[in-house]
Amino acid sequence: MANFDPPTIKPDAAPEFKDSAGCAKWLQTLPLVNVGPSHDRILGQLEELNACNIAPAERLKIMELLREPVTFVQKELSKKFSNRPAPLAKLEREIFHKVNALWDALSNGYQHCLNAAAGGASGVGAGLLCQRALWCTGQKLVACYGAYQDVG
C-alpha cells in the first residue's frame, strides 16, 4: 500500500538552499541540458529539502520553482524507457525507478505543505497543494503506463 506521509524531518538535513531565492540561484547553476546529472542533483536536493524543517509558505515557493525543471528532466529521461518492449532492460529499469523517485520526492514536498495547511498554517492554499500532489501522482502513472509497468 502507498504511504501518503511525507518523510520525517531530520535535524541533520542540509540542502544547498532553504529559501526560494537560494533555489532560484541554484537552478541557474544547474545544466538542464545534461539531463542525467541534473536529474540526480534535483532528486538529491528534493530529498534533503523534504527532510529539512522549512516554513510551509517558503517550501511551496521552492516546490513551484522546481516544478518546471523537474518536468523537463523527467520528460527527457522518460524517453529512454517509454514505449520499449517489456521487460525493460536493466538500464531502462534503473532510469524508470529514478523517474518515479523524483515524482515521489516532488509530491512529498507538496504533502509537507499540505500537512501544514491542515494544521492551520497560513500562506498556503490547500486546493493548490492537493492539485500539485495529485498532479505528481498522475505524472508517475503516465510514466508507468508509458513503460508498461505496474504502479509501485
N, C-alpha and C. Protein backbone atom coordinates (compact mmCIF):
# COMPACT_ATOMS: atom_id res chain seq x y z
N MET A 1 0.84 -1.19 0.00
CA MET A 1 0.00 0.00 0.00
C MET A 1 0.88 1.24 0.00
N ALA A 2 0.44 2.26 -0.67
CA ALA A 2 1.20 3.51 -0.79
C ALA A 2 1.23 4.24 0.55
N ASN A 3 2.33 4.90 0.81
CA ASN A 3 2.49 5.71 2.01
C ASN A 3 2.27 7.17 1.62
N PHE A 4 1.29 7.80 2.23
CA PHE A 4 0.97 9.18 1.87
C PHE A 4 1.53 10.18 2.87
N ASP A 5 2.36 9.72 3.79
CA ASP A 5 3.00 10.62 4.73
C ASP A 5 4.35 11.05 4.17
N PRO A 6 4.64 12.35 4.20
CA PRO A 6 5.96 12.79 3.72
C PRO A 6 7.05 12.31 4.67
N PRO A 7 8.30 12.33 4.21
CA PRO A 7 9.40 11.90 5.07
C PRO A 7 9.47 12.73 6.35
N THR A 8 10.00 12.13 7.39
CA THR A 8 10.12 12.85 8.65
C THR A 8 11.24 13.89 8.55
N ILE A 9 11.10 14.92 9.35
CA ILE A 9 12.09 15.99 9.41
C ILE A 9 13.29 15.49 10.21
N LYS A 10 14.49 15.73 9.67
CA LYS A 10 15.72 15.31 10.34
C LYS A 10 16.56 16.55 10.65
N PRO A 11 17.10 16.63 11.86
CA PRO A 11 17.89 17.81 12.21
C PRO A 11 19.19 17.95 11.41
N ASP A 12 19.69 16.85 10.86
CA ASP A 12 20.96 16.92 10.13
C ASP A 12 20.78 17.13 8.63
N ALA A 13 19.55 17.36 8.17
CA ALA A 13 19.31 17.60 6.74
C ALA A 13 19.99 18.90 6.33
N ALA A 14 20.71 18.84 5.20
CA ALA A 14 21.48 20.02 4.77
C ALA A 14 21.36 20.25 3.27
N PRO A 15 20.20 20.77 2.84
CA PRO A 15 20.08 21.10 1.42
C PRO A 15 20.97 22.29 1.06
N GLU A 16 21.25 22.44 -0.21
CA GLU A 16 22.10 23.55 -0.66
C GLU A 16 21.38 24.89 -0.56
N PHE A 17 20.07 24.88 -0.39
CA PHE A 17 19.29 26.11 -0.24
C PHE A 17 18.10 25.81 0.65
N LYS A 18 17.63 26.86 1.35
CA LYS A 18 16.48 26.70 2.24
C LYS A 18 15.43 27.77 2.00
N ASP A 19 15.60 28.54 0.93
CA ASP A 19 14.59 29.54 0.58
C ASP A 19 14.48 29.63 -0.93
N SER A 20 13.44 30.32 -1.38
CA SER A 20 13.18 30.39 -2.83
C SER A 20 14.26 31.17 -3.56
N ALA A 21 14.83 32.19 -2.94
CA ALA A 21 15.91 32.95 -3.60
C ALA A 21 17.13 32.06 -3.80
N GLY A 22 17.48 31.28 -2.79
CA GLY A 22 18.60 30.35 -2.92
C GLY A 22 18.32 29.28 -3.95
N CYS A 23 17.08 28.83 -4.02
CA CYS A 23 16.69 27.83 -5.01
C CYS A 23 16.83 28.39 -6.42
N ALA A 24 16.39 29.62 -6.61
CA ALA A 24 16.49 30.24 -7.94
C ALA A 24 17.95 30.37 -8.37
N LYS A 25 18.82 30.75 -7.44
CA LYS A 25 20.25 30.84 -7.76
C LYS A 25 20.82 29.47 -8.08
N TRP A 26 20.43 28.46 -7.30
CA TRP A 26 20.91 27.10 -7.51
C TRP A 26 20.46 26.59 -8.88
N LEU A 27 19.23 26.87 -9.25
CA LEU A 27 18.71 26.42 -10.54
C LEU A 27 19.48 27.04 -11.70
N GLN A 28 19.98 28.26 -11.52
CA GLN A 28 20.76 28.90 -12.58
C GLN A 28 22.08 28.18 -12.82
N THR A 29 22.58 27.47 -11.82
CA THR A 29 23.84 26.74 -11.97
C THR A 29 23.63 25.32 -12.48
N LEU A 30 22.38 24.91 -12.59
CA LEU A 30 22.06 23.54 -12.98
C LEU A 30 22.03 23.41 -14.50
N PRO A 31 22.90 22.59 -15.07
CA PRO A 31 22.91 22.43 -16.53
C PRO A 31 21.82 21.45 -16.99
N LEU A 32 20.63 21.96 -17.22
CA LEU A 32 19.50 21.10 -17.57
C LEU A 32 19.71 20.34 -18.87
N VAL A 33 20.59 20.82 -19.73
CA VAL A 33 20.87 20.13 -20.99
C VAL A 33 21.51 18.77 -20.69
N ASN A 34 22.26 18.69 -19.63
CA ASN A 34 22.87 17.44 -19.19
C ASN A 34 21.88 16.75 -18.25
N VAL A 35 20.93 16.06 -18.85
CA VAL A 35 19.73 15.60 -18.15
C VAL A 35 20.03 14.64 -17.00
N GLY A 36 20.85 13.64 -17.22
CA GLY A 36 21.11 12.63 -16.18
C GLY A 36 21.65 13.22 -14.89
N PRO A 37 22.78 13.93 -14.94
CA PRO A 37 23.31 14.54 -13.72
C PRO A 37 22.38 15.59 -13.11
N SER A 38 21.68 16.34 -13.94
CA SER A 38 20.73 17.34 -13.42
C SER A 38 19.61 16.65 -12.66
N HIS A 39 19.12 15.56 -13.22
CA HIS A 39 18.07 14.77 -12.56
C HIS A 39 18.55 14.30 -11.19
N ASP A 40 19.75 13.76 -11.13
CA ASP A 40 20.29 13.27 -9.87
C ASP A 40 20.45 14.39 -8.85
N ARG A 41 20.91 15.55 -9.29
CA ARG A 41 21.09 16.68 -8.37
C ARG A 41 19.75 17.19 -7.84
N ILE A 42 18.76 17.28 -8.73
CA ILE A 42 17.43 17.73 -8.28
C ILE A 42 16.85 16.74 -7.29
N LEU A 43 16.95 15.45 -7.60
CA LEU A 43 16.43 14.43 -6.69
C LEU A 43 17.12 14.51 -5.34
N GLY A 44 18.43 14.64 -5.33
CA GLY A 44 19.17 14.75 -4.07
C GLY A 44 18.74 15.95 -3.25
N GLN A 45 18.56 17.09 -3.91
CA GLN A 45 18.14 18.30 -3.20
C GLN A 45 16.71 18.17 -2.68
N LEU A 46 15.83 17.59 -3.47
CA LEU A 46 14.45 17.41 -3.00
C LEU A 46 14.39 16.48 -1.80
N GLU A 47 15.19 15.42 -1.83
CA GLU A 47 15.21 14.51 -0.68
C GLU A 47 15.73 15.22 0.57
N GLU A 48 16.75 16.06 0.41
CA GLU A 48 17.26 16.84 1.55
C GLU A 48 16.22 17.86 2.01
N LEU A 49 15.58 18.54 1.07
CA LEU A 49 14.55 19.53 1.43
C LEU A 49 13.39 18.88 2.17
N ASN A 50 13.01 17.69 1.73
CA ASN A 50 11.88 17.00 2.35
C ASN A 50 12.20 16.54 3.77
N ALA A 51 13.48 16.47 4.11
CA ALA A 51 13.89 16.09 5.46
C ALA A 51 14.26 17.31 6.30
N CYS A 52 14.13 18.50 5.73
CA CYS A 52 14.53 19.74 6.38
C CYS A 52 13.30 20.51 6.87
N ASN A 53 13.46 21.18 7.99
CA ASN A 53 12.36 21.98 8.54
C ASN A 53 12.36 23.35 7.87
N ILE A 54 11.37 23.59 7.02
CA ILE A 54 11.24 24.85 6.28
C ILE A 54 9.81 25.34 6.45
N ALA A 55 9.64 26.64 6.55
CA ALA A 55 8.30 27.22 6.67
C ALA A 55 7.45 26.78 5.47
N PRO A 56 6.18 26.43 5.70
CA PRO A 56 5.34 25.90 4.62
C PRO A 56 5.21 26.84 3.41
N ALA A 57 5.06 28.13 3.64
CA ALA A 57 4.91 29.06 2.51
C ALA A 57 6.20 29.11 1.69
N GLU A 58 7.34 29.07 2.36
CA GLU A 58 8.63 29.08 1.65
C GLU A 58 8.85 27.75 0.92
N ARG A 59 8.46 26.65 1.54
CA ARG A 59 8.58 25.35 0.89
C ARG A 59 7.74 25.32 -0.38
N LEU A 60 6.54 25.89 -0.32
CA LEU A 60 5.68 25.93 -1.51
C LEU A 60 6.35 26.74 -2.63
N LYS A 61 6.95 27.87 -2.29
CA LYS A 61 7.64 28.67 -3.31
C LYS A 61 8.77 27.86 -3.94
N ILE A 62 9.50 27.12 -3.13
CA ILE A 62 10.59 26.28 -3.64
C ILE A 62 10.05 25.20 -4.56
N MET A 63 8.98 24.54 -4.13
CA MET A 63 8.38 23.47 -4.95
C MET A 63 7.92 24.02 -6.30
N GLU A 64 7.35 25.21 -6.28
CA GLU A 64 6.87 25.80 -7.53
C GLU A 64 8.03 26.17 -8.45
N LEU A 65 9.15 26.61 -7.87
CA LEU A 65 10.33 26.90 -8.69
C LEU A 65 10.91 25.63 -9.30
N LEU A 66 10.85 24.53 -8.57
CA LEU A 66 11.43 23.27 -9.03
C LEU A 66 10.54 22.52 -10.02
N ARG A 67 9.27 22.83 -10.02
CA ARG A 67 8.31 22.05 -10.82
C ARG A 67 8.64 22.03 -12.31
N GLU A 68 8.96 23.16 -12.89
CA GLU A 68 9.26 23.21 -14.33
C GLU A 68 10.55 22.46 -14.68
N PRO A 69 11.67 22.69 -13.96
CA PRO A 69 12.87 21.90 -14.27
C PRO A 69 12.67 20.40 -14.05
N VAL A 70 11.92 20.04 -13.02
CA VAL A 70 11.63 18.62 -12.79
C VAL A 70 10.87 18.04 -13.97
N THR A 71 9.87 18.75 -14.43
CA THR A 71 9.08 18.28 -15.57
C THR A 71 9.96 18.09 -16.80
N PHE A 72 10.88 19.02 -17.03
CA PHE A 72 11.76 18.92 -18.20
C PHE A 72 12.65 17.68 -18.12
N VAL A 73 13.36 17.51 -16.99
CA VAL A 73 14.28 16.37 -16.92
C VAL A 73 13.52 15.05 -16.90
N GLN A 74 12.34 15.04 -16.29
CA GLN A 74 11.54 13.81 -16.28
C GLN A 74 11.10 13.43 -17.69
N LYS A 75 10.65 14.41 -18.45
CA LYS A 75 10.21 14.15 -19.82
C LYS A 75 11.36 13.61 -20.66
N GLU A 76 12.53 14.21 -20.52
CA GLU A 76 13.69 13.77 -21.30
C GLU A 76 14.14 12.37 -20.90
N LEU A 77 14.19 12.09 -19.60
CA LEU A 77 14.61 10.76 -19.16
C LEU A 77 13.58 9.69 -19.51
N SER A 78 12.31 10.06 -19.49
CA SER A 78 11.25 9.09 -19.81
C SER A 78 11.37 8.56 -21.23
N LYS A 79 11.99 9.33 -22.09
CA LYS A 79 12.17 8.87 -23.47
C LYS A 79 13.05 7.63 -23.54
N LYS A 80 13.85 7.39 -22.50
CA LYS A 80 14.76 6.25 -22.50
C LYS A 80 14.07 4.93 -22.18
N PHE A 81 12.85 4.99 -21.61
CA PHE A 81 12.16 3.74 -21.30
C PHE A 81 10.73 3.66 -21.84
N SER A 82 10.18 4.76 -22.29
CA SER A 82 8.80 4.75 -22.78
C SER A 82 8.69 4.01 -24.10
N ASN A 83 7.61 3.25 -24.21
CA ASN A 83 7.29 2.50 -25.43
C ASN A 83 8.39 1.53 -25.84
N ARG A 84 9.07 0.97 -24.87
CA ARG A 84 10.08 -0.06 -25.12
C ARG A 84 9.46 -1.42 -24.79
N PRO A 85 9.96 -2.48 -25.41
CA PRO A 85 9.40 -3.79 -25.11
C PRO A 85 9.60 -4.18 -23.64
N ALA A 86 8.61 -4.86 -23.11
CA ALA A 86 8.72 -5.38 -21.75
C ALA A 86 9.33 -6.77 -21.82
N PRO A 87 10.12 -7.17 -20.87
CA PRO A 87 10.57 -6.41 -19.72
C PRO A 87 11.65 -5.40 -20.11
N LEU A 88 11.74 -4.35 -19.31
CA LEU A 88 12.74 -3.32 -19.57
C LEU A 88 14.14 -3.88 -19.32
N ALA A 89 15.09 -3.40 -20.10
CA ALA A 89 16.50 -3.74 -19.86
C ALA A 89 16.92 -3.13 -18.53
N LYS A 90 18.04 -3.58 -17.98
CA LYS A 90 18.48 -3.14 -16.66
C LYS A 90 18.62 -1.62 -16.59
N LEU A 91 19.30 -1.01 -17.56
CA LEU A 91 19.49 0.44 -17.55
C LEU A 91 18.15 1.17 -17.66
N GLU A 92 17.26 0.70 -18.52
CA GLU A 92 15.94 1.32 -18.66
C GLU A 92 15.16 1.21 -17.36
N ARG A 93 15.25 0.07 -16.69
CA ARG A 93 14.54 -0.14 -15.42
C ARG A 93 15.08 0.80 -14.35
N GLU A 94 16.41 0.99 -14.32
CA GLU A 94 17.01 1.91 -13.34
C GLU A 94 16.54 3.34 -13.58
N ILE A 95 16.50 3.75 -14.83
CA ILE A 95 16.03 5.10 -15.16
C ILE A 95 14.56 5.25 -14.79
N PHE A 96 13.76 4.24 -15.07
CA PHE A 96 12.34 4.24 -14.71
C PHE A 96 12.17 4.45 -13.20
N HIS A 97 12.96 3.75 -12.40
CA HIS A 97 12.86 3.88 -10.94
C HIS A 97 13.31 5.27 -10.48
N LYS A 98 14.32 5.84 -11.14
CA LYS A 98 14.77 7.19 -10.79
C LYS A 98 13.69 8.22 -11.11
N VAL A 99 13.02 8.04 -12.24
CA VAL A 99 11.93 8.96 -12.61
C VAL A 99 10.81 8.88 -11.57
N ASN A 100 10.44 7.66 -11.17
CA ASN A 100 9.40 7.51 -10.16
C ASN A 100 9.83 8.13 -8.83
N ALA A 101 11.10 7.97 -8.47
CA ALA A 101 11.59 8.54 -7.21
C ALA A 101 11.49 10.06 -7.22
N LEU A 102 11.76 10.69 -8.36
CA LEU A 102 11.67 12.15 -8.42
C LEU A 102 10.22 12.62 -8.34
N TRP A 103 9.31 11.91 -9.00
CA TRP A 103 7.89 12.29 -8.86
C TRP A 103 7.46 12.15 -7.40
N ASP A 104 7.90 11.08 -6.72
CA ASP A 104 7.56 10.89 -5.31
C ASP A 104 8.15 12.01 -4.45
N ALA A 105 9.40 12.39 -4.72
CA ALA A 105 10.05 13.44 -3.93
C ALA A 105 9.34 14.78 -4.10
N LEU A 106 8.96 15.11 -5.33
CA LEU A 106 8.23 16.36 -5.56
C LEU A 106 6.88 16.32 -4.86
N SER A 107 6.19 15.20 -4.98
CA SER A 107 4.90 15.04 -4.30
C SER A 107 5.06 15.17 -2.79
N ASN A 108 6.11 14.59 -2.24
CA ASN A 108 6.34 14.67 -0.79
C ASN A 108 6.53 16.11 -0.33
N GLY A 109 7.19 16.93 -1.15
CA GLY A 109 7.34 18.34 -0.80
C GLY A 109 5.99 19.04 -0.70
N TYR A 110 5.13 18.78 -1.67
CA TYR A 110 3.79 19.36 -1.62
C TYR A 110 2.99 18.79 -0.44
N GLN A 111 3.19 17.51 -0.12
CA GLN A 111 2.48 16.91 1.00
C GLN A 111 2.91 17.51 2.33
N HIS A 112 4.19 17.87 2.47
CA HIS A 112 4.64 18.58 3.68
C HIS A 112 3.83 19.87 3.83
N CYS A 113 3.69 20.61 2.74
CA CYS A 113 2.93 21.86 2.78
C CYS A 113 1.46 21.59 3.10
N LEU A 114 0.91 20.54 2.52
CA LEU A 114 -0.49 20.20 2.75
C LEU A 114 -0.73 19.83 4.21
N ASN A 115 0.18 19.09 4.80
CA ASN A 115 0.05 18.75 6.22
C ASN A 115 0.08 20.02 7.07
N ALA A 116 0.93 20.97 6.71
CA ALA A 116 0.99 22.23 7.45
C ALA A 116 -0.31 23.02 7.28
N ALA A 117 -0.86 23.02 6.06
CA ALA A 117 -2.13 23.71 5.82
C ALA A 117 -3.25 23.07 6.63
N ALA A 118 -3.24 21.75 6.71
CA ALA A 118 -4.26 21.05 7.50
C ALA A 118 -4.11 21.37 8.98
N GLY A 119 -2.88 21.69 9.39
CA GLY A 119 -2.63 22.06 10.78
C GLY A 119 -2.88 23.53 11.07
N GLY A 120 -3.32 24.28 10.07
CA GLY A 120 -3.68 25.68 10.28
C GLY A 120 -2.65 26.69 9.83
N ALA A 121 -1.61 26.26 9.13
CA ALA A 121 -0.59 27.20 8.65
C ALA A 121 -1.20 28.16 7.64
N SER A 122 -0.80 29.42 7.73
CA SER A 122 -1.32 30.40 6.78
C SER A 122 -0.34 30.58 5.63
N GLY A 123 -0.82 31.12 4.54
CA GLY A 123 0.04 31.40 3.39
C GLY A 123 0.14 30.27 2.40
N VAL A 124 -0.56 29.18 2.66
CA VAL A 124 -0.54 28.05 1.72
C VAL A 124 -1.99 27.67 1.42
N GLY A 125 -2.29 27.52 0.13
CA GLY A 125 -3.64 27.16 -0.27
C GLY A 125 -3.79 25.66 -0.42
N ALA A 126 -4.71 25.09 0.34
CA ALA A 126 -4.89 23.64 0.32
C ALA A 126 -5.32 23.14 -1.05
N GLY A 127 -6.11 23.92 -1.77
CA GLY A 127 -6.56 23.49 -3.10
C GLY A 127 -5.39 23.32 -4.06
N LEU A 128 -4.51 24.31 -4.09
CA LEU A 128 -3.33 24.23 -4.96
C LEU A 128 -2.45 23.05 -4.55
N LEU A 129 -2.26 22.87 -3.25
CA LEU A 129 -1.40 21.79 -2.77
C LEU A 129 -1.96 20.42 -3.13
N CYS A 130 -3.26 20.25 -2.98
CA CYS A 130 -3.88 18.98 -3.37
C CYS A 130 -3.71 18.75 -4.87
N GLN A 131 -3.94 19.79 -5.66
CA GLN A 131 -3.80 19.64 -7.11
C GLN A 131 -2.38 19.26 -7.48
N ARG A 132 -1.40 19.91 -6.86
CA ARG A 132 0.00 19.63 -7.20
C ARG A 132 0.40 18.21 -6.78
N ALA A 133 0.01 17.78 -5.60
CA ALA A 133 0.34 16.42 -5.15
C ALA A 133 -0.32 15.38 -6.06
N LEU A 134 -1.57 15.62 -6.42
CA LEU A 134 -2.26 14.69 -7.33
C LEU A 134 -1.65 14.74 -8.73
N TRP A 135 -1.21 15.91 -9.17
CA TRP A 135 -0.56 16.02 -10.47
C TRP A 135 0.70 15.17 -10.51
N CYS A 136 1.50 15.23 -9.43
CA CYS A 136 2.72 14.40 -9.36
C CYS A 136 2.37 12.92 -9.45
N THR A 137 1.32 12.52 -8.75
CA THR A 137 0.89 11.13 -8.80
C THR A 137 0.44 10.77 -10.20
N GLY A 138 -0.28 11.67 -10.85
CA GLY A 138 -0.71 11.44 -12.23
C GLY A 138 0.47 11.30 -13.18
N GLN A 139 1.50 12.11 -12.98
CA GLN A 139 2.69 12.02 -13.83
C GLN A 139 3.41 10.69 -13.62
N LYS A 140 3.41 10.21 -12.39
CA LYS A 140 4.00 8.91 -12.11
C LYS A 140 3.21 7.81 -12.82
N LEU A 141 1.90 7.92 -12.81
CA LEU A 141 1.06 6.95 -13.53
C LEU A 141 1.34 6.98 -15.02
N VAL A 142 1.53 8.17 -15.58
CA VAL A 142 1.85 8.29 -17.01
C VAL A 142 3.17 7.59 -17.31
N ALA A 143 4.16 7.77 -16.44
CA ALA A 143 5.46 7.11 -16.64
C ALA A 143 5.31 5.60 -16.59
N CYS A 144 4.52 5.11 -15.65
CA CYS A 144 4.29 3.66 -15.55
C CYS A 144 3.56 3.14 -16.77
N TYR A 145 2.58 3.87 -17.22
CA TYR A 145 1.82 3.47 -18.41
C TYR A 145 2.73 3.43 -19.64
N GLY A 146 3.57 4.45 -19.80
CA GLY A 146 4.47 4.52 -20.95
C GLY A 146 5.52 3.42 -20.95
N ALA A 147 5.84 2.90 -19.75
CA ALA A 147 6.85 1.85 -19.64
C ALA A 147 6.22 0.46 -19.54
N TYR A 148 4.90 0.40 -19.60
CA TYR A 148 4.18 -0.88 -19.46
C TYR A 148 4.53 -1.56 -18.14
N GLN A 149 4.59 -0.77 -17.07
CA GLN A 149 4.97 -1.28 -15.75
C GLN A 149 3.84 -1.04 -14.77
N ASP A 150 3.78 -1.89 -13.74
CA ASP A 150 2.83 -1.69 -12.66
C ASP A 150 3.21 -0.45 -11.87
N VAL A 151 2.21 0.19 -11.30
CA VAL A 151 2.46 1.35 -10.45
C VAL A 151 3.00 0.83 -9.13
N GLY A 152 4.12 1.37 -8.72
CA GLY A 152 4.72 0.86 -7.48
C GLY A 152 5.21 1.95 -6.60
